[in-house]
Amino acid sequence: SPAGETHAQPQSHGQARRVEIKRNRK
């Protein structure tokens, strides 16, 4: 995530890599 990101630029969130929560077999 870019440092110094402000709340006035919510579009930068959409440019960030998509992170998903997964579980392995254990």
PDB file of all heavy atoms in Angstrom:
ATOM      1  N   SER A   1       0.841  -1.195   0.000  1.00  0.00           N
ATOM      2  CA  SER A   1       0.000   0.000   0.000  1.00  0.00           C
ATOM      3  C   SER A   1       0.871   1.238   0.000  1.00  0.00           C
ATOM      4  O   SER A   1       1.889   1.296   0.696  1.00  0.00           O
ATOM      5  CB  SER A   1      -0.900   0.007   1.242  1.00  0.00           C
ATOM      6  OG  SER A   1      -1.803  -1.074   1.188  1.00  0.00           O
ATOM      7  N   PRO A   2       0.520   2.263  -0.785  1.00  0.00           N
ATOM      8  CA  PRO A   2       1.340   3.469  -0.835  1.00  0.00           C
ATOM      9  C   PRO A   2       1.347   4.201   0.489  1.00  0.00           C
ATOM     10  O   PRO A   2       0.306   4.408   1.096  1.00  0.00           O
ATOM     11  CB  PRO A   2       0.674   4.313  -1.926  1.00  0.00           C
ATOM     12  CG  PRO A   2      -0.739   3.823  -1.973  1.00  0.00           C
ATOM     13  CD  PRO A   2      -0.675   2.368  -1.640  1.00  0.00           C
ATOM     14  N   ALA A   3       2.527   4.582   0.964  1.00  0.00           N
ATOM     15  CA  ALA A   3       2.649   5.328   2.212  1.00  0.00           C
ATOM     16  C   ALA A   3       2.023   6.704   2.054  1.00  0.00           C
ATOM     17  O   ALA A   3       2.064   7.312   0.988  1.00  0.00           O
ATOM     18  CB  ALA A   3       4.116   5.464   2.602  1.00  0.00           C
ATOM     19  N   GLY A   4       1.422   7.190   3.109  1.00  0.00           N
ATOM     20  CA  GLY A   4       0.824   8.522   3.079  1.00  0.00           C
ATOM     21  C   GLY A   4      -0.491   8.569   2.366  1.00  0.00           C
ATOM     22  O   GLY A   4      -0.976   9.628   2.003  1.00  0.00           O
ATOM     23  N   GLU A   5      -1.099   7.391   2.145  1.00  0.00           N
ATOM     24  CA  GLU A   5      -2.402   7.334   1.477  1.00  0.00           C
ATOM     25  C   GLU A   5      -3.439   8.085   2.293  1.00  0.00           C
ATOM     26  O   GLU A   5      -3.517   7.957   3.503  1.00  0.00           O
ATOM     27  CB  GLU A   5      -2.804   5.867   1.325  1.00  0.00           C
ATOM     28  CG  GLU A   5      -4.149   5.654   0.676  1.00  0.00           C
ATOM     29  CD  GLU A   5      -4.521   4.189   0.688  1.00  0.00           C
ATOM     30  OE1 GLU A   5      -3.839   3.428   1.367  1.00  0.00           O
ATOM     31  OE2 GLU A   5      -5.503   3.832   0.028  1.00  0.00           O
ATOM     32  N   THR A   6      -4.246   8.891   1.660  1.00  0.00           N
ATOM     33  CA  THR A   6      -5.250   9.683   2.366  1.00  0.00           C
ATOM     34  C   THR A   6      -6.623   9.091   2.125  1.00  0.00           C
ATOM     35  O   THR A   6      -6.853   8.317   1.203  1.00  0.00           O
ATOM     36  CB  THR A   6      -5.244  11.144   1.865  1.00  0.00           C
ATOM     37  OG1 THR A   6      -5.619  11.141   0.485  1.00  0.00           O
ATOM     38  CG2 THR A   6      -3.880  11.781   2.039  1.00  0.00           C
ATOM     39  N   HIS A   7      -7.541   9.492   2.991  1.00  0.00           N
ATOM     40  CA  HIS A   7      -8.913   9.009   2.855  1.00  0.00           C
ATOM     41  C   HIS A   7      -9.612   9.623   1.651  1.00  0.00           C
ATOM     42  O   HIS A   7     -10.639   9.148   1.215  1.00  0.00           O
ATOM     43  CB  HIS A   7      -9.694   9.339   4.134  1.00  0.00           C
ATOM     44  CG  HIS A   7      -9.098   8.720   5.353  1.00  0.00           C
ATOM     45  ND1 HIS A   7      -9.153   7.384   5.600  1.00  0.00           N
ATOM     46  CD2 HIS A   7      -8.404   9.285   6.395  1.00  0.00           C
ATOM     47  CE1 HIS A   7      -8.545   7.113   6.752  1.00  0.00           C
ATOM     48  NE2 HIS A   7      -8.082   8.254   7.248  1.00  0.00           N
ATOM     49  N   ALA A   8      -9.036  10.681   1.117  1.00  0.00           N
ATOM     50  CA  ALA A   8      -9.660  11.337  -0.027  1.00  0.00           C
ATOM     51  C   ALA A   8      -9.368  10.599  -1.329  1.00  0.00           C
ATOM     52  O   ALA A   8      -9.839  10.984  -2.382  1.00  0.00           O
ATOM     53  CB  ALA A   8      -9.168  12.782  -0.139  1.00  0.00           C
ATOM     54  N   GLN A   9      -8.536   9.516  -1.262  1.00  0.00           N
ATOM     55  CA  GLN A   9      -8.172   8.775  -2.464  1.00  0.00           C
ATOM     56  C   GLN A   9      -8.531   7.299  -2.301  1.00  0.00           C
ATOM     57  O   GLN A   9      -7.670   6.423  -2.248  1.00  0.00           O
ATOM     58  CB  GLN A   9      -6.670   8.909  -2.731  1.00  0.00           C
ATOM     59  CG  GLN A   9      -6.254  10.346  -3.019  1.00  0.00           C
ATOM     60  CD  GLN A   9      -4.742  10.468  -3.113  1.00  0.00           C
ATOM     61  OE1 GLN A   9      -4.007   9.736  -2.481  1.00  0.00           O
ATOM     62  NE2 GLN A   9      -4.281  11.383  -3.942  1.00  0.00           N
ATOM     63  N   PRO A  10      -9.800   7.002  -2.189  1.00  0.00           N
ATOM     64  CA  PRO A  10     -10.191   5.611  -1.990  1.00  0.00           C
ATOM     65  C   PRO A  10      -9.905   4.737  -3.199  1.00  0.00           C
ATOM     66  O   PRO A  10      -9.846   3.527  -3.095  1.00  0.00           O
ATOM     67  CB  PRO A  10     -11.701   5.712  -1.724  1.00  0.00           C
ATOM     68  CG  PRO A  10     -12.132   6.979  -2.402  1.00  0.00           C
ATOM     69  CD  PRO A  10     -10.975   7.916  -2.298  1.00  0.00           C
ATOM     70  N   GLN A  11      -9.700   5.349  -4.389  1.00  0.00           N
ATOM     71  CA  GLN A  11      -9.470   4.542  -5.572  1.00  0.00           C
ATOM     72  C   GLN A  11      -8.169   3.774  -5.514  1.00  0.00           C
ATOM     73  O   GLN A  11      -8.001   2.769  -6.199  1.00  0.00           O
ATOM     74  CB  GLN A  11      -9.500   5.423  -6.840  1.00  0.00           C
ATOM     75  CG  GLN A  11      -8.370   6.450  -6.934  1.00  0.00           C
ATOM     76  CD  GLN A  11      -8.723   7.740  -6.221  1.00  0.00           C
ATOM     77  OE1 GLN A  11      -9.683   7.784  -5.458  1.00  0.00           O
ATOM     78  NE2 GLN A  11      -7.971   8.792  -6.467  1.00  0.00           N
ATOM     79  N   SER A  12      -7.223   4.234  -4.689  1.00  0.00           N
ATOM     80  CA  SER A  12      -5.939   3.536  -4.617  1.00  0.00           C
ATOM     81  C   SER A  12      -6.100   2.150  -4.013  1.00  0.00           C
ATOM     82  O   SER A  12      -5.283   1.275  -4.221  1.00  0.00           O
ATOM     83  CB  SER A  12      -4.939   4.351  -3.783  1.00  0.00           C
ATOM     84  OG  SER A  12      -5.455   4.562  -2.486  1.00  0.00           O
ATOM     85  N   HIS A  13      -7.185   1.952  -3.223  1.00  0.00           N
ATOM     86  CA  HIS A  13      -7.440   0.633  -2.663  1.00  0.00           C
ATOM     87  C   HIS A  13      -7.719  -0.374  -3.771  1.00  0.00           C
ATOM     88  O   HIS A  13      -7.308  -1.521  -3.694  1.00  0.00           O
ATOM     89  CB  HIS A  13      -8.631   0.680  -1.707  1.00  0.00           C
ATOM     90  CG  HIS A  13      -8.316   1.362  -0.413  1.00  0.00           C
ATOM     91  ND1 HIS A  13      -7.589   0.757   0.573  1.00  0.00           N
ATOM     92  CD2 HIS A  13      -8.641   2.597   0.041  1.00  0.00           C
ATOM     93  CE1 HIS A  13      -7.472   1.580   1.604  1.00  0.00           C
ATOM     94  NE2 HIS A  13      -8.108   2.707   1.291  1.00  0.00           N
ATOM     95  N   GLY A  14      -8.420   0.067  -4.760  1.00  0.00           N
ATOM     96  CA  GLY A  14      -8.762  -0.831  -5.842  1.00  0.00           C
ATOM     97  C   GLY A  14      -7.557  -1.241  -6.670  1.00  0.00           C
ATOM     98  O   GLY A  14      -7.559  -2.270  -7.318  1.00  0.00           O
ATOM     99  N   GLN A  15      -6.499  -0.430  -6.671  1.00  0.00           N
ATOM    100  CA  GLN A  15      -5.305  -0.741  -7.440  1.00  0.00           C
ATOM    101  C   GLN A  15      -4.401  -1.718  -6.699  1.00  0.00           C
ATOM    102  O   GLN A  15      -3.500  -2.297  -7.260  1.00  0.00           O
ATOM    103  CB  GLN A  15      -4.538   0.548  -7.733  1.00  0.00           C
ATOM    104  CG  GLN A  15      -5.334   1.543  -8.563  1.00  0.00           C
ATOM    105  CD  GLN A  15      -4.672   2.899  -8.607  1.00  0.00           C
ATOM    106  OE1 GLN A  15      -3.593   3.090  -8.047  1.00  0.00           O
ATOM    107  NE2 GLN A  15      -5.307   3.844  -9.273  1.00  0.00           N
ATOM    108  N   ALA A  16      -4.628  -1.883  -5.404  1.00  0.00           N
ATOM    109  CA  ALA A  16      -3.787  -2.767  -4.614  1.00  0.00           C
ATOM    110  C   ALA A  16      -4.069  -4.223  -4.976  1.00  0.00           C
ATOM    111  O   ALA A  16      -5.130  -4.565  -5.506  1.00  0.00           O
ATOM    112  CB  ALA A  16      -4.042  -2.540  -3.141  1.00  0.00           C
ATOM    113  N   ARG A  17      -3.092  -5.075  -4.688  1.00  0.00           N
ATOM    114  CA  ARG A  17      -3.220  -6.491  -4.967  1.00  0.00           C
ATOM    115  C   ARG A  17      -4.363  -7.082  -4.142  1.00  0.00           C
ATOM    116  O   ARG A  17      -4.503  -6.789  -2.966  1.00  0.00           O
ATOM    117  CB  ARG A  17      -1.905  -7.193  -4.627  1.00  0.00           C
ATOM    118  CG  ARG A  17      -1.877  -8.664  -5.034  1.00  0.00           C
ATOM    119  CD  ARG A  17      -0.601  -9.318  -4.571  1.00  0.00           C
ATOM    120  NE  ARG A  17       0.570  -8.617  -5.079  1.00  0.00           N
ATOM    121  CZ  ARG A  17       1.829  -8.983  -4.807  1.00  0.00           C
ATOM    122  NH1 ARG A  17       2.041 -10.011  -4.007  1.00  0.00           N
ATOM    123  NH2 ARG A  17       2.842  -8.311  -5.311  1.00  0.00           N
ATOM    124  N   ARG A  18      -5.148  -7.952  -4.749  1.00  0.00           N
ATOM    125  CA  ARG A  18      -6.280  -8.572  -4.063  1.00  0.00           C
ATOM    126  C   ARG A  18      -5.768  -9.635  -3.104  1.00  0.00           C
ATOM    127  O   ARG A  18      -4.999 -10.520  -3.484  1.00  0.00           O
ATOM    128  CB  ARG A  18      -7.235  -9.191  -5.089  1.00  0.00           C
ATOM    129  CG  ARG A  18      -8.474  -9.816  -4.466  1.00  0.00           C
ATOM    130  CD  ARG A  18      -9.391 -10.367  -5.543  1.00  0.00           C
ATOM    131  NE  ARG A  18     -10.544 -11.031  -4.984  1.00  0.00           N
ATOM    132  CZ  ARG A  18     -11.651 -10.413  -4.598  1.00  0.00           C
ATOM    133  NH1 ARG A  18     -11.744  -9.100  -4.723  1.00  0.00           N
ATOM    134  NH2 ARG A  18     -12.663 -11.093  -4.097  1.00  0.00           N
ATOM    135  N   VAL A  19      -6.190  -9.540  -1.869  1.00  0.00           N
ATOM    136  CA  VAL A  19      -5.769 -10.489  -0.833  1.00  0.00           C
ATOM    137  C   VAL A  19      -6.996 -11.261  -0.373  1.00  0.00           C
ATOM    138  O   VAL A  19      -8.032 -10.678  -0.050  1.00  0.00           O
ATOM    139  CB  VAL A  19      -5.125  -9.762   0.374  1.00  0.00           C
ATOM    140  CG1 VAL A  19      -4.725 -10.762   1.445  1.00  0.00           C
ATOM    141  CG2 VAL A  19      -3.925  -8.946  -0.078  1.00  0.00           C
ATOM    142  N   GLU A  20      -6.880 -12.585  -0.336  1.00  0.00           N
ATOM    143  CA  GLU A  20      -7.983 -13.434   0.090  1.00  0.00           C
ATOM    144  C   GLU A  20      -7.518 -14.371   1.199  1.00  0.00           C
ATOM    145  O   GLU A  20      -6.355 -14.787   1.229  1.00  0.00           O
ATOM    146  CB  GLU A  20      -8.531 -14.259  -1.085  1.00  0.00           C
ATOM    147  CG  GLU A  20      -9.185 -13.422  -2.174  1.00  0.00           C
ATOM    148  CD  GLU A  20      -9.750 -14.270  -3.289  1.00  0.00           C
ATOM    149  OE1 GLU A  20      -9.487 -15.498  -3.278  1.00  0.00           O
ATOM    150  OE2 GLU A  20     -10.457 -13.730  -4.154  1.00  0.00           O
ATOM    151  N   ILE A  21      -8.439 -14.694   2.086  1.00  0.00           N
ATOM    152  CA  ILE A  21      -8.128 -15.590   3.195  1.00  0.00           C
ATOM    153  C   ILE A  21      -8.449 -17.022   2.778  1.00  0.00           C
ATOM    154  O   ILE A  21      -9.559 -17.326   2.346  1.00  0.00           O
ATOM    155  CB  ILE A  21      -8.935 -15.213   4.451  1.00  0.00           C
ATOM    156  CG1 ILE A  21      -8.562 -13.803   4.906  1.00  0.00           C
ATOM    157  CG2 ILE A  21      -8.690 -16.204   5.580  1.00  0.00           C
ATOM    158  CD1 ILE A  21      -7.101 -13.605   5.239  1.00  0.00           C
ATOM    159  N   LYS A  22      -7.462 -17.905   2.922  1.00  0.00           N
ATOM    160  CA  LYS A  22      -7.635 -19.316   2.568  1.00  0.00           C
ATOM    161  C   LYS A  22      -7.189 -20.189   3.738  1.00  0.00           C
ATOM    162  O   LYS A  22      -6.509 -19.736   4.648  1.00  0.00           O
ATOM    163  CB  LYS A  22      -6.797 -19.666   1.326  1.00  0.00           C
ATOM    164  CG  LYS A  22      -7.152 -18.874   0.081  1.00  0.00           C
ATOM    165  CD  LYS A  22      -8.512 -19.260  -0.463  1.00  0.00           C
ATOM    166  CE  LYS A  22      -8.811 -18.531  -1.768  1.00  0.00           C
ATOM    167  NZ  LYS A  22     -10.136 -18.897  -2.315  1.00  0.00           N
ATOM    168  N   ARG A  23      -7.590 -21.458   3.676  1.00  0.00           N
ATOM    169  CA  ARG A  23      -7.163 -22.434   4.676  1.00  0.00           C
ATOM    170  C   ARG A  23      -6.583 -23.650   3.974  1.00  0.00           C
ATOM    171  O   ARG A  23      -7.120 -24.108   2.961  1.00  0.00           O
ATOM    172  CB  ARG A  23      -8.338 -22.870   5.560  1.00  0.00           C
ATOM    173  CG  ARG A  23      -8.920 -21.770   6.425  1.00  0.00           C
ATOM    174  CD  ARG A  23     -10.115 -22.288   7.208  1.00  0.00           C
ATOM    175  NE  ARG A  23      -9.711 -23.267   8.209  1.00  0.00           N
ATOM    176  CZ  ARG A  23     -10.527 -24.169   8.758  1.00  0.00           C
ATOM    177  NH1 ARG A  23     -11.790 -24.237   8.350  1.00  0.00           N
ATOM    178  NH2 ARG A  23     -10.096 -24.995   9.679  1.00  0.00           N
ATOM    179  N   ASN A  24      -5.476 -24.172   4.516  1.00  0.00           N
ATOM    180  CA  ASN A  24      -4.908 -25.381   3.928  1.00  0.00           C
ATOM    181  C   ASN A  24      -5.561 -26.623   4.519  1.00  0.00           C
ATOM    182  O   ASN A  24      -6.501 -26.526   5.316  1.00  0.00           O
ATOM    183  CB  ASN A  24      -3.380 -25.410   4.117  1.00  0.00           C
ATOM    184  CG  ASN A  24      -2.973 -25.456   5.592  1.00  0.00           C
ATOM    185  OD1 ASN A  24      -3.777 -25.780   6.469  1.00  0.00           O
ATOM    186  ND2 ASN A  24      -1.719 -25.139   5.858  1.00  0.00           N
ATOM    187  N   ARG A  25      -5.070 -27.789   4.158  1.00  0.00           N
ATOM    188  CA  ARG A  25      -5.707 -29.030   4.599  1.00  0.00           C
ATOM    189  C   ARG A  25      -5.656 -29.213   6.114  1.00  0.00           C
ATOM    190  O   ARG A  25      -6.499 -29.896   6.689  1.00  0.00           O
ATOM    191  CB  ARG A  25      -5.019 -30.222   3.922  1.00  0.00           C
ATOM    192  CG  ARG A  25      -5.277 -30.295   2.421  1.00  0.00           C
ATOM    193  CD  ARG A  25      -4.582 -31.494   1.815  1.00  0.00           C
ATOM    194  NE  ARG A  25      -4.815 -31.584   0.371  1.00  0.00           N
ATOM    195  CZ  ARG A  25      -4.288 -32.522  -0.404  1.00  0.00           C
ATOM    196  NH1 ARG A  25      -3.492 -33.444   0.130  1.00  0.00           N
ATOM    197  NH2 ARG A  25      -4.552 -32.535  -1.690  1.00  0.00           N
ATOM    198  N   LYS A  26      -4.668 -28.634   6.728  1.00  0.00           N
ATOM    199  CA  LYS A  26      -4.528 -28.758   8.183  1.00  0.00           C
ATOM    200  C   LYS A  26      -5.311 -27.683   8.934  1.00  0.00           C
ATOM    201  O   LYS A  26      -5.255 -27.610  10.155  1.00  0.00           O
ATOM    202  CB  LYS A  26      -3.055 -28.694   8.575  1.00  0.00           C
ATOM    203  CG  LYS A  26      -2.253 -29.890   8.093  1.00  0.00           C
ATOM    204  CD  LYS A  26      -0.817 -29.835   8.607  1.00  0.00           C
ATOM    205  CE  LYS A  26      -0.053 -31.066   8.166  1.00  0.00           C
ATOM    206  NZ  LYS A  26       1.357 -31.042   8.666  1.00  0.00           N
TER     207      LYS A  26
END
